[in-house]
mmCIF file of all heavy atoms, coordinates in Angstrom:
data_MODEL
# 
_entry.id   MODEL 
# 
loop_
_atom_site.group_PDB 
_atom_site.id 
_atom_site.type_symbol 
_atom_site.label_atom_id 
_atom_site.label_alt_id 
_atom_site.label_comp_id 
_atom_site.label_asym_id 
_atom_site.label_entity_id 
_atom_site.label_seq_id 
_atom_site.pdbx_PDB_ins_code 
_atom_site.Cartn_x 
_atom_site.Cartn_y 
_atom_site.Cartn_z 
_atom_site.occupancy 
_atom_site.B_iso_or_equiv 
_atom_site.pdbx_formal_charge 
_atom_site.auth_seq_id 
_atom_site.auth_comp_id 
_atom_site.auth_asym_id 
_atom_site.auth_atom_id 
_atom_site.pdbx_PDB_model_num 
ATOM 1   N N   . GLU A 1 1  ? -4.986  11.216  1.927  1.00 0.00 ? 1  GLU A N   1 
ATOM 2   C CA  . GLU A 1 1  ? -3.870  11.411  2.832  1.00 0.00 ? 1  GLU A CA  1 
ATOM 3   C C   . GLU A 1 1  ? -4.424  11.723  4.170  1.00 0.00 ? 1  GLU A C   1 
ATOM 4   O O   . GLU A 1 1  ? -3.906  11.291  5.243  1.00 0.00 ? 1  GLU A O   1 
ATOM 5   C CB  . GLU A 1 1  ? -2.999  12.601  2.366  1.00 0.00 ? 1  GLU A CB  1 
ATOM 6   C CG  . GLU A 1 1  ? -2.134  12.193  1.103  1.00 0.00 ? 1  GLU A CG  1 
ATOM 7   C CD  . GLU A 1 1  ? -1.168  11.034  1.428  1.00 0.00 ? 1  GLU A CD  1 
ATOM 8   O OE1 . GLU A 1 1  ? -0.584  10.907  2.517  1.00 0.00 ? 1  GLU A OE1 1 
ATOM 9   O OE2 . GLU A 1 1  ? -1.062  10.156  0.497  1.00 0.00 ? 1  GLU A OE2 1 
ATOM 10  N N   . ASP A 1 2  ? -5.505  12.543  4.294  1.00 0.00 ? 2  ASP A N   1 
ATOM 11  C CA  . ASP A 1 2  ? -6.113  12.869  5.609  1.00 0.00 ? 2  ASP A CA  1 
ATOM 12  C C   . ASP A 1 2  ? -6.667  11.628  6.299  1.00 0.00 ? 2  ASP A C   1 
ATOM 13  O O   . ASP A 1 2  ? -6.495  11.479  7.465  1.00 0.00 ? 2  ASP A O   1 
ATOM 14  C CB  . ASP A 1 2  ? -7.144  13.915  5.429  1.00 0.00 ? 2  ASP A CB  1 
ATOM 15  C CG  . ASP A 1 2  ? -6.561  15.282  5.035  1.00 0.00 ? 2  ASP A CG  1 
ATOM 16  O OD1 . ASP A 1 2  ? -5.347  15.548  5.312  1.00 0.00 ? 2  ASP A OD1 1 
ATOM 17  O OD2 . ASP A 1 2  ? -7.362  16.182  4.617  1.00 0.00 ? 2  ASP A OD2 1 
ATOM 18  N N   . GLU A 1 3  ? -7.307  10.817  5.471  1.00 0.00 ? 3  GLU A N   1 
ATOM 19  C CA  . GLU A 1 3  ? -7.877  9.564   6.054  1.00 0.00 ? 3  GLU A CA  1 
ATOM 20  C C   . GLU A 1 3  ? -6.810  8.655   6.543  1.00 0.00 ? 3  GLU A C   1 
ATOM 21  O O   . GLU A 1 3  ? -6.891  8.045   7.587  1.00 0.00 ? 3  GLU A O   1 
ATOM 22  C CB  . GLU A 1 3  ? -8.742  8.871   5.002  1.00 0.00 ? 3  GLU A CB  1 
ATOM 23  C CG  . GLU A 1 3  ? -10.108 9.637   4.687  1.00 0.00 ? 3  GLU A CG  1 
ATOM 24  C CD  . GLU A 1 3  ? -10.803 8.976   3.466  1.00 0.00 ? 3  GLU A CD  1 
ATOM 25  O OE1 . GLU A 1 3  ? -10.053 8.483   2.603  1.00 0.00 ? 3  GLU A OE1 1 
ATOM 26  O OE2 . GLU A 1 3  ? -11.991 9.025   3.460  1.00 0.00 ? 3  GLU A OE2 1 
ATOM 27  N N   . ALA A 1 4  ? -5.712  8.518   5.768  1.00 0.00 ? 4  ALA A N   1 
ATOM 28  C CA  . ALA A 1 4  ? -4.670  7.572   6.069  1.00 0.00 ? 4  ALA A CA  1 
ATOM 29  C C   . ALA A 1 4  ? -3.987  7.916   7.391  1.00 0.00 ? 4  ALA A C   1 
ATOM 30  O O   . ALA A 1 4  ? -3.509  7.040   8.102  1.00 0.00 ? 4  ALA A O   1 
ATOM 31  C CB  . ALA A 1 4  ? -3.710  7.539   4.873  1.00 0.00 ? 4  ALA A CB  1 
ATOM 32  N N   . GLU A 1 5  ? -3.934  9.169   7.707  1.00 0.00 ? 5  GLU A N   1 
ATOM 33  C CA  . GLU A 1 5  ? -3.260  9.558   8.959  1.00 0.00 ? 5  GLU A CA  1 
ATOM 34  C C   . GLU A 1 5  ? -3.896  8.887   10.175 1.00 0.00 ? 5  GLU A C   1 
ATOM 35  O O   . GLU A 1 5  ? -3.218  8.692   11.176 1.00 0.00 ? 5  GLU A O   1 
ATOM 36  C CB  . GLU A 1 5  ? -3.323  11.102  9.094  1.00 0.00 ? 5  GLU A CB  1 
ATOM 37  C CG  . GLU A 1 5  ? -2.333  11.808  8.228  1.00 0.00 ? 5  GLU A CG  1 
ATOM 38  C CD  . GLU A 1 5  ? -2.338  13.352  8.492  1.00 0.00 ? 5  GLU A CD  1 
ATOM 39  O OE1 . GLU A 1 5  ? -3.013  13.767  9.403  1.00 0.00 ? 5  GLU A OE1 1 
ATOM 40  O OE2 . GLU A 1 5  ? -1.680  14.070  7.689  1.00 0.00 ? 5  GLU A OE2 1 
ATOM 41  N N   . LYS A 1 6  ? -5.209  8.599   10.072 1.00 0.00 ? 6  LYS A N   1 
ATOM 42  C CA  . LYS A 1 6  ? -5.869  7.975   11.207 1.00 0.00 ? 6  LYS A CA  1 
ATOM 43  C C   . LYS A 1 6  ? -5.653  6.466   11.270 1.00 0.00 ? 6  LYS A C   1 
ATOM 44  O O   . LYS A 1 6  ? -6.059  5.886   12.259 1.00 0.00 ? 6  LYS A O   1 
ATOM 45  C CB  . LYS A 1 6  ? -7.427  8.299   11.089 1.00 0.00 ? 6  LYS A CB  1 
ATOM 46  C CG  . LYS A 1 6  ? -7.762  9.743   11.033 1.00 0.00 ? 6  LYS A CG  1 
ATOM 47  C CD  . LYS A 1 6  ? -9.236  9.950   10.854 1.00 0.00 ? 6  LYS A CD  1 
ATOM 48  C CE  . LYS A 1 6  ? -9.546  11.437  10.752 1.00 0.00 ? 6  LYS A CE  1 
ATOM 49  N NZ  . LYS A 1 6  ? -11.007 11.645  10.402 1.00 0.00 ? 6  LYS A NZ  1 
ATOM 50  N N   . GLY A 1 7  ? -5.067  5.914   10.230 1.00 0.00 ? 7  GLY A N   1 
ATOM 51  C CA  . GLY A 1 7  ? -4.865  4.479   10.241 1.00 0.00 ? 7  GLY A CA  1 
ATOM 52  C C   . GLY A 1 7  ? -6.116  3.759   9.880  1.00 0.00 ? 7  GLY A C   1 
ATOM 53  O O   . GLY A 1 7  ? -7.119  4.347   9.514  1.00 0.00 ? 7  GLY A O   1 
ATOM 54  N N   . VAL A 1 8  ? -6.066  2.402   9.996  1.00 0.00 ? 8  VAL A N   1 
ATOM 55  C CA  . VAL A 1 8  ? -7.210  1.520   9.691  1.00 0.00 ? 8  VAL A CA  1 
ATOM 56  C C   . VAL A 1 8  ? -7.450  0.568   10.856 1.00 0.00 ? 8  VAL A C   1 
ATOM 57  O O   . VAL A 1 8  ? -6.538  0.318   11.659 1.00 0.00 ? 8  VAL A O   1 
ATOM 58  C CB  . VAL A 1 8  ? -6.934  0.762   8.379  1.00 0.00 ? 8  VAL A CB  1 
ATOM 59  C CG1 . VAL A 1 8  ? -7.011  1.676   7.186  1.00 0.00 ? 8  VAL A CG1 1 
ATOM 60  C CG2 . VAL A 1 8  ? -5.652  -0.044  8.416  1.00 0.00 ? 8  VAL A CG2 1 
ATOM 61  N N   . CYS A 1 9  ? -8.652  0.066   10.892 1.00 0.00 ? 9  CYS A N   1 
ATOM 62  C CA  . CYS A 1 9  ? -8.979  -0.950  11.878 1.00 0.00 ? 9  CYS A CA  1 
ATOM 63  C C   . CYS A 1 9  ? -10.015 -1.897  11.311 1.00 0.00 ? 9  CYS A C   1 
ATOM 64  O O   . CYS A 1 9  ? -10.735 -1.557  10.389 1.00 0.00 ? 9  CYS A O   1 
ATOM 65  C CB  . CYS A 1 9  ? -9.528  -0.321  13.186 1.00 0.00 ? 9  CYS A CB  1 
ATOM 66  S SG  . CYS A 1 9  ? -10.927 0.836   12.943 1.00 0.00 ? 9  CYS A SG  1 
ATOM 67  N N   . THR A 1 10 ? -10.102 -3.090  11.879 1.00 0.00 ? 10 THR A N   1 
ATOM 68  C CA  . THR A 1 10 ? -11.087 -4.093  11.400 1.00 0.00 ? 10 THR A CA  1 
ATOM 69  C C   . THR A 1 10 ? -11.282 -5.213  12.490 1.00 0.00 ? 10 THR A C   1 
ATOM 70  O O   . THR A 1 10 ? -10.560 -5.270  13.470 1.00 0.00 ? 10 THR A O   1 
ATOM 71  C CB  . THR A 1 10 ? -10.616 -4.678  10.077 1.00 0.00 ? 10 THR A CB  1 
ATOM 72  O OG1 . THR A 1 10 ? -11.698 -5.390  9.460  1.00 0.00 ? 10 THR A OG1 1 
ATOM 73  C CG2 . THR A 1 10 ? -9.424  -5.696  10.294 1.00 0.00 ? 10 THR A CG2 1 
ATOM 74  N N   . HIS A 1 11 ? -12.151 -6.093  12.167 1.00 0.00 ? 11 HIS A N   1 
ATOM 75  C CA  . HIS A 1 11 ? -12.308 -7.331  12.919 1.00 0.00 ? 11 HIS A CA  1 
ATOM 76  C C   . HIS A 1 11 ? -12.262 -8.469  11.919 1.00 0.00 ? 11 HIS A C   1 
ATOM 77  O O   . HIS A 1 11 ? -12.628 -8.376  10.747 1.00 0.00 ? 11 HIS A O   1 
ATOM 78  C CB  . HIS A 1 11 ? -13.658 -7.418  13.742 1.00 0.00 ? 11 HIS A CB  1 
ATOM 79  C CG  . HIS A 1 11 ? -14.850 -7.209  12.930 1.00 0.00 ? 11 HIS A CG  1 
ATOM 80  N ND1 . HIS A 1 11 ? -15.380 -8.117  12.063 1.00 0.00 ? 11 HIS A ND1 1 
ATOM 81  C CD2 . HIS A 1 11 ? -15.656 -6.068  12.746 1.00 0.00 ? 11 HIS A CD2 1 
ATOM 82  C CE1 . HIS A 1 11 ? -16.544 -7.659  11.536 1.00 0.00 ? 11 HIS A CE1 1 
ATOM 83  N NE2 . HIS A 1 11 ? -16.729 -6.424  11.946 1.00 0.00 ? 11 HIS A NE2 1 
ATOM 84  N N   . SER A 1 12 ? -11.591 -9.580  12.321 1.00 0.00 ? 12 SER A N   1 
ATOM 85  C CA  . SER A 1 12 ? -11.305 -10.627 11.357 1.00 0.00 ? 12 SER A CA  1 
ATOM 86  C C   . SER A 1 12 ? -10.873 -11.859 12.054 1.00 0.00 ? 12 SER A C   1 
ATOM 87  O O   . SER A 1 12 ? -10.218 -11.839 13.153 1.00 0.00 ? 12 SER A O   1 
ATOM 88  C CB  . SER A 1 12 ? -10.196 -10.228 10.398 1.00 0.00 ? 12 SER A CB  1 
ATOM 89  O OG  . SER A 1 12 ? -9.665  -11.325 9.701  1.00 0.00 ? 12 SER A OG  1 
ATOM 90  N N   . SER A 1 13 ? -11.238 -13.042 11.506 1.00 0.00 ? 13 SER A N   1 
ATOM 91  C CA  . SER A 1 13 ? -10.758 -14.307 12.067 1.00 0.00 ? 13 SER A CA  1 
ATOM 92  C C   . SER A 1 13 ? -9.316  -14.614 11.627 1.00 0.00 ? 13 SER A C   1 
ATOM 93  O O   . SER A 1 13 ? -8.727  -15.510 12.188 1.00 0.00 ? 13 SER A O   1 
ATOM 94  C CB  . SER A 1 13 ? -11.597 -15.478 11.555 1.00 0.00 ? 13 SER A CB  1 
ATOM 95  O OG  . SER A 1 13 ? -11.587 -15.540 10.137 1.00 0.00 ? 13 SER A OG  1 
ATOM 96  N N   . GLY A 1 14 ? -8.761  -13.800 10.752 1.00 0.00 ? 14 GLY A N   1 
ATOM 97  C CA  . GLY A 1 14 ? -7.339  -14.030 10.481 1.00 0.00 ? 14 GLY A CA  1 
ATOM 98  C C   . GLY A 1 14 ? -6.800  -13.433 9.220  1.00 0.00 ? 14 GLY A C   1 
ATOM 99  O O   . GLY A 1 14 ? -6.054  -12.489 9.206  1.00 0.00 ? 14 GLY A O   1 
ATOM 100 N N   . ASN A 1 15 ? -7.261  -13.940 8.061  1.00 0.00 ? 15 ASN A N   1 
ATOM 101 C CA  . ASN A 1 15 ? -6.590  -13.525 6.794  1.00 0.00 ? 15 ASN A CA  1 
ATOM 102 C C   . ASN A 1 15 ? -6.802  -12.093 6.414  1.00 0.00 ? 15 ASN A C   1 
ATOM 103 O O   . ASN A 1 15 ? -5.955  -11.385 5.885  1.00 0.00 ? 15 ASN A O   1 
ATOM 104 C CB  . ASN A 1 15 ? -7.061  -14.453 5.632  1.00 0.00 ? 15 ASN A CB  1 
ATOM 105 C CG  . ASN A 1 15 ? -6.316  -15.792 5.675  1.00 0.00 ? 15 ASN A CG  1 
ATOM 106 O OD1 . ASN A 1 15 ? -5.258  -15.896 6.202  1.00 0.00 ? 15 ASN A OD1 1 
ATOM 107 N ND2 . ASN A 1 15 ? -6.937  -16.830 5.055  1.00 0.00 ? 15 ASN A ND2 1 
ATOM 108 N N   . HIS A 1 16 ? -8.032  -11.505 6.729  1.00 0.00 ? 16 HIS A N   1 
ATOM 109 C CA  . HIS A 1 16 ? -8.206  -10.065 6.452  1.00 0.00 ? 16 HIS A CA  1 
ATOM 110 C C   . HIS A 1 16 ? -7.368  -9.235  7.450  1.00 0.00 ? 16 HIS A C   1 
ATOM 111 O O   . HIS A 1 16 ? -6.823  -8.290  7.068  1.00 0.00 ? 16 HIS A O   1 
ATOM 112 C CB  . HIS A 1 16 ? -9.648  -9.730  6.605  1.00 0.00 ? 16 HIS A CB  1 
ATOM 113 C CG  . HIS A 1 16 ? -10.014 -8.227  6.377  1.00 0.00 ? 16 HIS A CG  1 
ATOM 114 N ND1 . HIS A 1 16 ? -9.790  -7.621  5.192  1.00 0.00 ? 16 HIS A ND1 1 
ATOM 115 C CD2 . HIS A 1 16 ? -10.396 -7.293  7.241  1.00 0.00 ? 16 HIS A CD2 1 
ATOM 116 C CE1 . HIS A 1 16 ? -10.136 -6.333  5.295  1.00 0.00 ? 16 HIS A CE1 1 
ATOM 117 N NE2 . HIS A 1 16 ? -10.493 -6.143  6.541  1.00 0.00 ? 16 HIS A NE2 1 
ATOM 118 N N   . ALA A 1 17 ? -7.264  -9.726  8.680  1.00 0.00 ? 17 ALA A N   1 
ATOM 119 C CA  . ALA A 1 17 ? -6.460  -8.982  9.668  1.00 0.00 ? 17 ALA A CA  1 
ATOM 120 C C   . ALA A 1 17 ? -5.063  -8.922  9.254  1.00 0.00 ? 17 ALA A C   1 
ATOM 121 O O   . ALA A 1 17 ? -4.424  -7.804  9.282  1.00 0.00 ? 17 ALA A O   1 
ATOM 122 C CB  . ALA A 1 17 ? -6.597  -9.696  11.041 1.00 0.00 ? 17 ALA A CB  1 
ATOM 123 N N   . LEU A 1 18 ? -4.474  -10.026 8.843  1.00 0.00 ? 18 LEU A N   1 
ATOM 124 C CA  . LEU A 1 18 ? -2.995  -10.006 8.485  1.00 0.00 ? 18 LEU A CA  1 
ATOM 125 C C   . LEU A 1 18 ? -2.844  -9.254  7.078  1.00 0.00 ? 18 LEU A C   1 
ATOM 126 O O   . LEU A 1 18 ? -1.844  -8.629  6.881  1.00 0.00 ? 18 LEU A O   1 
ATOM 127 C CB  . LEU A 1 18 ? -2.418  -11.386 8.461  1.00 0.00 ? 18 LEU A CB  1 
ATOM 128 C CG  . LEU A 1 18 ? -3.014  -12.455 7.533  1.00 0.00 ? 18 LEU A CG  1 
ATOM 129 C CD1 . LEU A 1 18 ? -2.277  -12.455 6.175  1.00 0.00 ? 18 LEU A CD1 1 
ATOM 130 C CD2 . LEU A 1 18 ? -2.818  -13.821 8.224  1.00 0.00 ? 18 LEU A CD2 1 
ATOM 131 N N   . SER A 1 19 ? -3.865  -9.386  6.201  1.00 0.00 ? 19 SER A N   1 
ATOM 132 C CA  . SER A 1 19 ? -3.764  -8.650  4.934  1.00 0.00 ? 19 SER A CA  1 
ATOM 133 C C   . SER A 1 19 ? -3.819  -7.153  5.112  1.00 0.00 ? 19 SER A C   1 
ATOM 134 O O   . SER A 1 19 ? -3.153  -6.421  4.416  1.00 0.00 ? 19 SER A O   1 
ATOM 135 C CB  . SER A 1 19 ? -4.856  -9.178  4.005  1.00 0.00 ? 19 SER A CB  1 
ATOM 136 O OG  . SER A 1 19 ? -4.653  -10.522 3.718  1.00 0.00 ? 19 SER A OG  1 
ATOM 137 N N   . LEU A 1 20 ? -4.748  -6.735  5.937  1.00 0.00 ? 20 LEU A N   1 
ATOM 138 C CA  . LEU A 1 20 ? -4.860  -5.291  6.230  1.00 0.00 ? 20 LEU A CA  1 
ATOM 139 C C   . LEU A 1 20 ? -3.569  -4.744  6.948  1.00 0.00 ? 20 LEU A C   1 
ATOM 140 O O   . LEU A 1 20 ? -3.138  -3.668  6.603  1.00 0.00 ? 20 LEU A O   1 
ATOM 141 C CB  . LEU A 1 20 ? -6.066  -4.998  7.099  1.00 0.00 ? 20 LEU A CB  1 
ATOM 142 C CG  . LEU A 1 20 ? -6.513  -3.520  7.183  1.00 0.00 ? 20 LEU A CG  1 
ATOM 143 C CD1 . LEU A 1 20 ? -6.948  -2.949  5.811  1.00 0.00 ? 20 LEU A CD1 1 
ATOM 144 C CD2 . LEU A 1 20 ? -7.603  -3.311  8.222  1.00 0.00 ? 20 LEU A CD2 1 
ATOM 145 N N   . SER A 1 21 ? -3.030  -5.611  7.768  1.00 0.00 ? 21 SER A N   1 
ATOM 146 C CA  . SER A 1 21 ? -1.806  -5.201  8.451  1.00 0.00 ? 21 SER A CA  1 
ATOM 147 C C   . SER A 1 21 ? -0.626  -5.094  7.492  1.00 0.00 ? 21 SER A C   1 
ATOM 148 O O   . SER A 1 21 ? 0.148   -4.166  7.520  1.00 0.00 ? 21 SER A O   1 
ATOM 149 C CB  . SER A 1 21 ? -1.433  -6.217  9.545  1.00 0.00 ? 21 SER A CB  1 
ATOM 150 O OG  . SER A 1 21 ? -2.352  -6.336  10.533 1.00 0.00 ? 21 SER A OG  1 
ATOM 151 N N   . TYR A 1 22 ? -0.632  -6.025  6.508  1.00 0.00 ? 22 TYR A N   1 
ATOM 152 C CA  . TYR A 1 22 ? 0.403   -6.015  5.400  1.00 0.00 ? 22 TYR A CA  1 
ATOM 153 C C   . TYR A 1 22 ? 0.220   -4.681  4.605  1.00 0.00 ? 22 TYR A C   1 
ATOM 154 O O   . TYR A 1 22 ? 1.181   -3.964  4.411  1.00 0.00 ? 22 TYR A O   1 
ATOM 155 C CB  . TYR A 1 22 ? 0.236   -7.165  4.531  1.00 0.00 ? 22 TYR A CB  1 
ATOM 156 C CG  . TYR A 1 22 ? 0.853   -7.057  3.189  1.00 0.00 ? 22 TYR A CG  1 
ATOM 157 C CD1 . TYR A 1 22 ? 2.190   -7.375  3.035  1.00 0.00 ? 22 TYR A CD1 1 
ATOM 158 C CD2 . TYR A 1 22 ? 0.190   -6.533  2.079  1.00 0.00 ? 22 TYR A CD2 1 
ATOM 159 C CE1 . TYR A 1 22 ? 2.848   -7.250  1.779  1.00 0.00 ? 22 TYR A CE1 1 
ATOM 160 C CE2 . TYR A 1 22 ? 0.754   -6.447  0.846  1.00 0.00 ? 22 TYR A CE2 1 
ATOM 161 C CZ  . TYR A 1 22 ? 2.141   -6.760  0.711  1.00 0.00 ? 22 TYR A CZ  1 
ATOM 162 O OH  . TYR A 1 22 ? 2.733   -6.609  -0.517 1.00 0.00 ? 22 TYR A OH  1 
ATOM 163 N N   . ALA A 1 23 ? -0.959  -4.372  4.220  1.00 0.00 ? 23 ALA A N   1 
ATOM 164 C CA  . ALA A 1 23 ? -1.223  -3.216  3.320  1.00 0.00 ? 23 ALA A CA  1 
ATOM 165 C C   . ALA A 1 23 ? -0.968  -1.929  4.125  1.00 0.00 ? 23 ALA A C   1 
ATOM 166 O O   . ALA A 1 23 ? -0.279  -1.031  3.609  1.00 0.00 ? 23 ALA A O   1 
ATOM 167 C CB  . ALA A 1 23 ? -2.678  -3.190  2.820  1.00 0.00 ? 23 ALA A CB  1 
ATOM 168 N N   . ALA A 1 24 ? -1.363  -1.851  5.348  1.00 0.00 ? 24 ALA A N   1 
ATOM 169 C CA  . ALA A 1 24 ? -1.152  -0.701  6.204  1.00 0.00 ? 24 ALA A CA  1 
ATOM 170 C C   . ALA A 1 24 ? 0.384   -0.476  6.427  1.00 0.00 ? 24 ALA A C   1 
ATOM 171 O O   . ALA A 1 24 ? 0.867   0.705   6.355  1.00 0.00 ? 24 ALA A O   1 
ATOM 172 C CB  . ALA A 1 24 ? -1.838  -0.814  7.529  1.00 0.00 ? 24 ALA A CB  1 
# 
């Protein structure tokens, strides 16, 4: 829960970016 409060970030050509956005 403490980690999640900070959110997530990444670099990606596309599919990981949209997948991480979906999960977040």
